[in-house]
């Protein structure tokens, strides 16, 4: 049962990443939320030629938990570049390993 739930989670994460990478409509307030997470500068660091964002993704209204993210856009042609999802922690490593395995298996079919 644990393996099934891991594979299901991997599938859902993969689906979310693919959906996020594709075109979609911008909803009311989305641009404002995106700009609120935009990092304009870092103390003691030079300006960069790309945009990056940092914030938290809430896991649900009742859980009171959130995941930290830091998103870096590509310097050139960002809409055509792949999206990389980095997860930290032991459980994230296991899930990431399984997702990479699943991706390599499906890529060779």
C-alpha atoms as a PDB file:
ATOM      1  CA  UNK A   1       0.000   0.000   0.000  1.00  0.00           C
ATOM      2  CA  UNK A   2       2.874   2.374   0.790  1.00  0.00           C
ATOM      3  CA  UNK A   3       4.356   1.818  -2.673  1.00  0.00           C
ATOM      4  CA  UNK A   4       1.008   2.540  -4.299  1.00  0.00           C
ATOM      5  CA  UNK A   5       0.636   5.802  -2.390  1.00  0.00           C
ATOM      6  CA  UNK A   6       4.201   6.820  -3.320  1.00  0.00           C
ATOM      7  CA  UNK A   7       3.564   6.106  -7.006  1.00  0.00           C
ATOM      8  CA  UNK A   8       0.287   7.999  -6.825  1.00  0.00           C
ATOM      9  CA  UNK A   9       2.033  10.959  -5.195  1.00  0.00           C
ATOM     10  CA  UNK A  10       4.775  10.828  -7.845  1.00  0.00           C
ATOM     11  CA  UNK A  11       2.145  10.807 -10.579  1.00  0.00           C
ATOM     12  CA  UNK A  12       0.320  13.769  -9.035  1.00  0.00           C
ATOM     13  CA  UNK A  13       3.542  15.772  -8.639  1.00  0.00           C
ATOM     14  CA  UNK A  14       4.548  14.998 -12.221  1.00  0.00           C
ATOM     15  CA  UNK A  15       1.109  16.015 -13.473  1.00  0.00           C
ATOM     16  CA  UNK A  16       1.245  19.268 -11.503  1.00  0.00           C
ATOM     17  CA  UNK A  17       4.693  20.098 -12.899  1.00  0.00           C
ATOM     18  CA  UNK A  18       3.583  19.435 -16.476  1.00  0.00           C
ATOM     19  CA  UNK A  19       0.423  21.487 -15.965  1.00  0.00           C
ATOM     20  CA  UNK A  20       2.404  24.360 -14.455  1.00  0.00           C
ATOM     21  CA  UNK A  21       4.842  24.332 -17.360  1.00  0.00           C
ATOM     22  CA  UNK A  22       2.050  24.576 -19.944  1.00  0.00           C
ATOM     23  CA  UNK A  23       0.140  27.698 -20.897  1.00  0.00           C
ATOM     24  CA  UNK A  24      -2.674  28.773 -18.611  1.00  0.00           C
ATOM     25  CA  UNK A  25      -4.877  31.728 -17.905  1.00  0.00           C
ATOM     26  CA  UNK A  26      -3.861  34.312 -15.349  1.00  0.00           C
ATOM     27  CA  UNK A  27      -6.501  34.545 -12.627  1.00  0.00           C
ATOM     28  CA  UNK A  28      -7.481  37.656 -10.674  1.00  0.00           C
ATOM     29  CA  UNK A  29      -4.823  38.514  -8.143  1.00  0.00           C
ATOM     30  CA  UNK A  30      -2.343  35.959  -9.451  1.00  0.00           C
ATOM     31  CA  UNK A  31      -0.002  38.582 -10.870  1.00  0.00           C
ATOM     32  CA  UNK A  32      -0.047  40.481  -7.557  1.00  0.00           C
ATOM     33  CA  UNK A  33       0.770  37.292  -5.608  1.00  0.00           C
ATOM     34  CA  UNK A  34       3.579  36.496  -8.039  1.00  0.00           C
ATOM     35  CA  UNK A  35       5.065  39.981  -7.708  1.00  0.00           C
ATOM     36  CA  UNK A  36       4.813  39.797  -3.904  1.00  0.00           C
ATOM     37  CA  UNK A  37       7.096  36.716  -4.004  1.00  0.00           C
ATOM     38  CA  UNK A  38       9.571  38.246  -6.465  1.00  0.00           C
ATOM     39  CA  UNK A  39      13.085  38.717  -5.092  1.00  0.00           C
ATOM     40  CA  UNK A  40      14.343  42.133  -6.154  1.00  0.00           C
ATOM     41  CA  UNK A  41      17.793  41.991  -4.575  1.00  0.00           C
ATOM     42  CA  UNK A  42      19.873  40.096  -2.049  1.00  0.00           C
ATOM     43  CA  UNK A  43      22.056  41.978   0.453  1.00  0.00           C
ATOM     44  CA  UNK A  44      25.703  41.956  -0.572  1.00  0.00           C
ATOM     45  CA  UNK A  45      25.000  40.256  -3.914  1.00  0.00           C
ATOM     46  CA  UNK A  46      25.184  41.787  -7.406  1.00  0.00           C
ATOM     47  CA  UNK A  47      22.080  42.219  -9.547  1.00  0.00           C
ATOM     48  CA  UNK A  48      21.211  39.221 -11.722  1.00  0.00           C
ATOM     49  CA  UNK A  49      19.858  39.087 -15.290  1.00  0.00           C
ATOM     50  CA  UNK A  50      17.003  36.725 -14.462  1.00  0.00           C
ATOM     51  CA  UNK A  51      13.919  36.888 -12.271  1.00  0.00           C
ATOM     52  CA  UNK A  52      13.555  34.752  -9.183  1.00  0.00           C
ATOM     53  CA  UNK A  53      10.793  34.246  -6.660  1.00  0.00           C
ATOM     54  CA  UNK A  54      10.702  32.932  -3.119  1.00  0.00           C
ATOM     55  CA  UNK A  55       7.814  32.085  -0.841  1.00  0.00           C
ATOM     56  CA  UNK A  56       5.639  29.364   0.616  1.00  0.00           C
ATOM     57  CA  UNK A  57       3.056  27.042  -0.917  1.00  0.00           C
ATOM     58  CA  UNK A  58       0.328  26.225   1.598  1.00  0.00           C
ATOM     59  CA  UNK A  59      -0.437  22.524   1.953  1.00  0.00           C
ATOM     60  CA  UNK A  60      -4.025  23.082   2.929  1.00  0.00           C
ATOM     61  CA  UNK A  61      -6.199  25.408   4.974  1.00  0.00           C
ATOM     62  CA  UNK A  62      -6.485  23.027   7.939  1.00  0.00           C
ATOM     63  CA  UNK A  63      -2.910  21.731   8.091  1.00  0.00           C
ATOM     64  CA  UNK A  64      -1.257  25.054   8.861  1.00  0.00           C
ATOM     65  CA  UNK A  65       1.823  23.789   7.016  1.00  0.00           C
ATOM     66  CA  UNK A  66       3.605  25.078   3.934  1.00  0.00           C
ATOM     67  CA  UNK A  67       6.520  24.200   1.672  1.00  0.00           C
ATOM     68  CA  UNK A  68       9.224  26.766   0.972  1.00  0.00           C
ATOM     69  CA  UNK A  69      10.096  27.347  -2.682  1.00  0.00           C
ATOM     70  CA  UNK A  70      12.642  29.382  -4.587  1.00  0.00           C
ATOM     71  CA  UNK A  71      11.997  29.627  -8.316  1.00  0.00           C
ATOM     72  CA  UNK A  72      14.628  30.835 -10.788  1.00  0.00           C
ATOM     73  CA  UNK A  73      13.635  31.719 -14.352  1.00  0.00           C
ATOM     74  CA  UNK A  74      15.998  30.972 -17.212  1.00  0.00           C
ATOM     75  CA  UNK A  75      18.034  33.938 -18.438  1.00  0.00           C
ATOM     76  CA  UNK A  76      16.838  33.464 -22.022  1.00  0.00           C
ATOM     77  CA  UNK A  77      13.689  31.952 -23.550  1.00  0.00           C
ATOM     78  CA  UNK A  78      12.255  30.946 -20.157  1.00  0.00           C
ATOM     79  CA  UNK A  79       8.995  29.597 -21.627  1.00  0.00           C
ATOM     80  CA  UNK A  80      10.916  26.952 -23.610  1.00  0.00           C
ATOM     81  CA  UNK A  81      13.198  25.768 -20.792  1.00  0.00           C
ATOM     82  CA  UNK A  82      12.434  22.714 -18.623  1.00  0.00           C
ATOM     83  CA  UNK A  83      11.081  23.109 -15.106  1.00  0.00           C
ATOM     84  CA  UNK A  84      13.086  21.469 -12.319  1.00  0.00           C
ATOM     85  CA  UNK A  85      11.452  20.572  -9.000  1.00  0.00           C
ATOM     86  CA  UNK A  86      13.834  20.262  -6.047  1.00  0.00           C
ATOM     87  CA  UNK A  87      12.556  18.681  -2.825  1.00  0.00           C
ATOM     88  CA  UNK A  88      14.509  18.431   0.428  1.00  0.00           C
ATOM     89  CA  UNK A  89      14.285  15.859   3.205  1.00  0.00           C
ATOM     90  CA  UNK A  90      14.340  12.064   3.393  1.00  0.00           C
ATOM     91  CA  UNK A  91      10.759  11.561   2.193  1.00  0.00           C
ATOM     92  CA  UNK A  92      11.309  14.019  -0.633  1.00  0.00           C
ATOM     93  CA  UNK A  93      14.451  12.128  -1.685  1.00  0.00           C
ATOM     94  CA  UNK A  94      12.589   8.814  -1.843  1.00  0.00           C
ATOM     95  CA  UNK A  95       9.765  10.342  -3.871  1.00  0.00           C
ATOM     96  CA  UNK A  96      12.213  12.150  -6.163  1.00  0.00           C
ATOM     97  CA  UNK A  97      14.142   8.915  -6.764  1.00  0.00           C
ATOM     98  CA  UNK A  98      10.919   7.129  -7.682  1.00  0.00           C
ATOM     99  CA  UNK A  99       9.828   9.967  -9.975  1.00  0.00           C
ATOM    100  CA  UNK A 100      13.184   9.918 -11.756  1.00  0.00           C
ATOM    101  CA  UNK A 101      12.955   6.137 -12.131  1.00  0.00           C
ATOM    102  CA  UNK A 102       9.409   6.398 -13.472  1.00  0.00           C
ATOM    103  CA  UNK A 103      10.447   9.152 -15.892  1.00  0.00           C
ATOM    104  CA  UNK A 104      13.374   7.082 -17.210  1.00  0.00           C
ATOM    105  CA  UNK A 105      11.148   4.018 -17.651  1.00  0.00           C
ATOM    106  CA  UNK A 106       8.456   5.964 -19.505  1.00  0.00           C
ATOM    107  CA  UNK A 107      11.057   7.805 -21.579  1.00  0.00           C
ATOM    108  CA  UNK A 108      12.420   4.487 -22.886  1.00  0.00           C
ATOM    109  CA  UNK A 109       9.004   3.070 -23.846  1.00  0.00           C
END
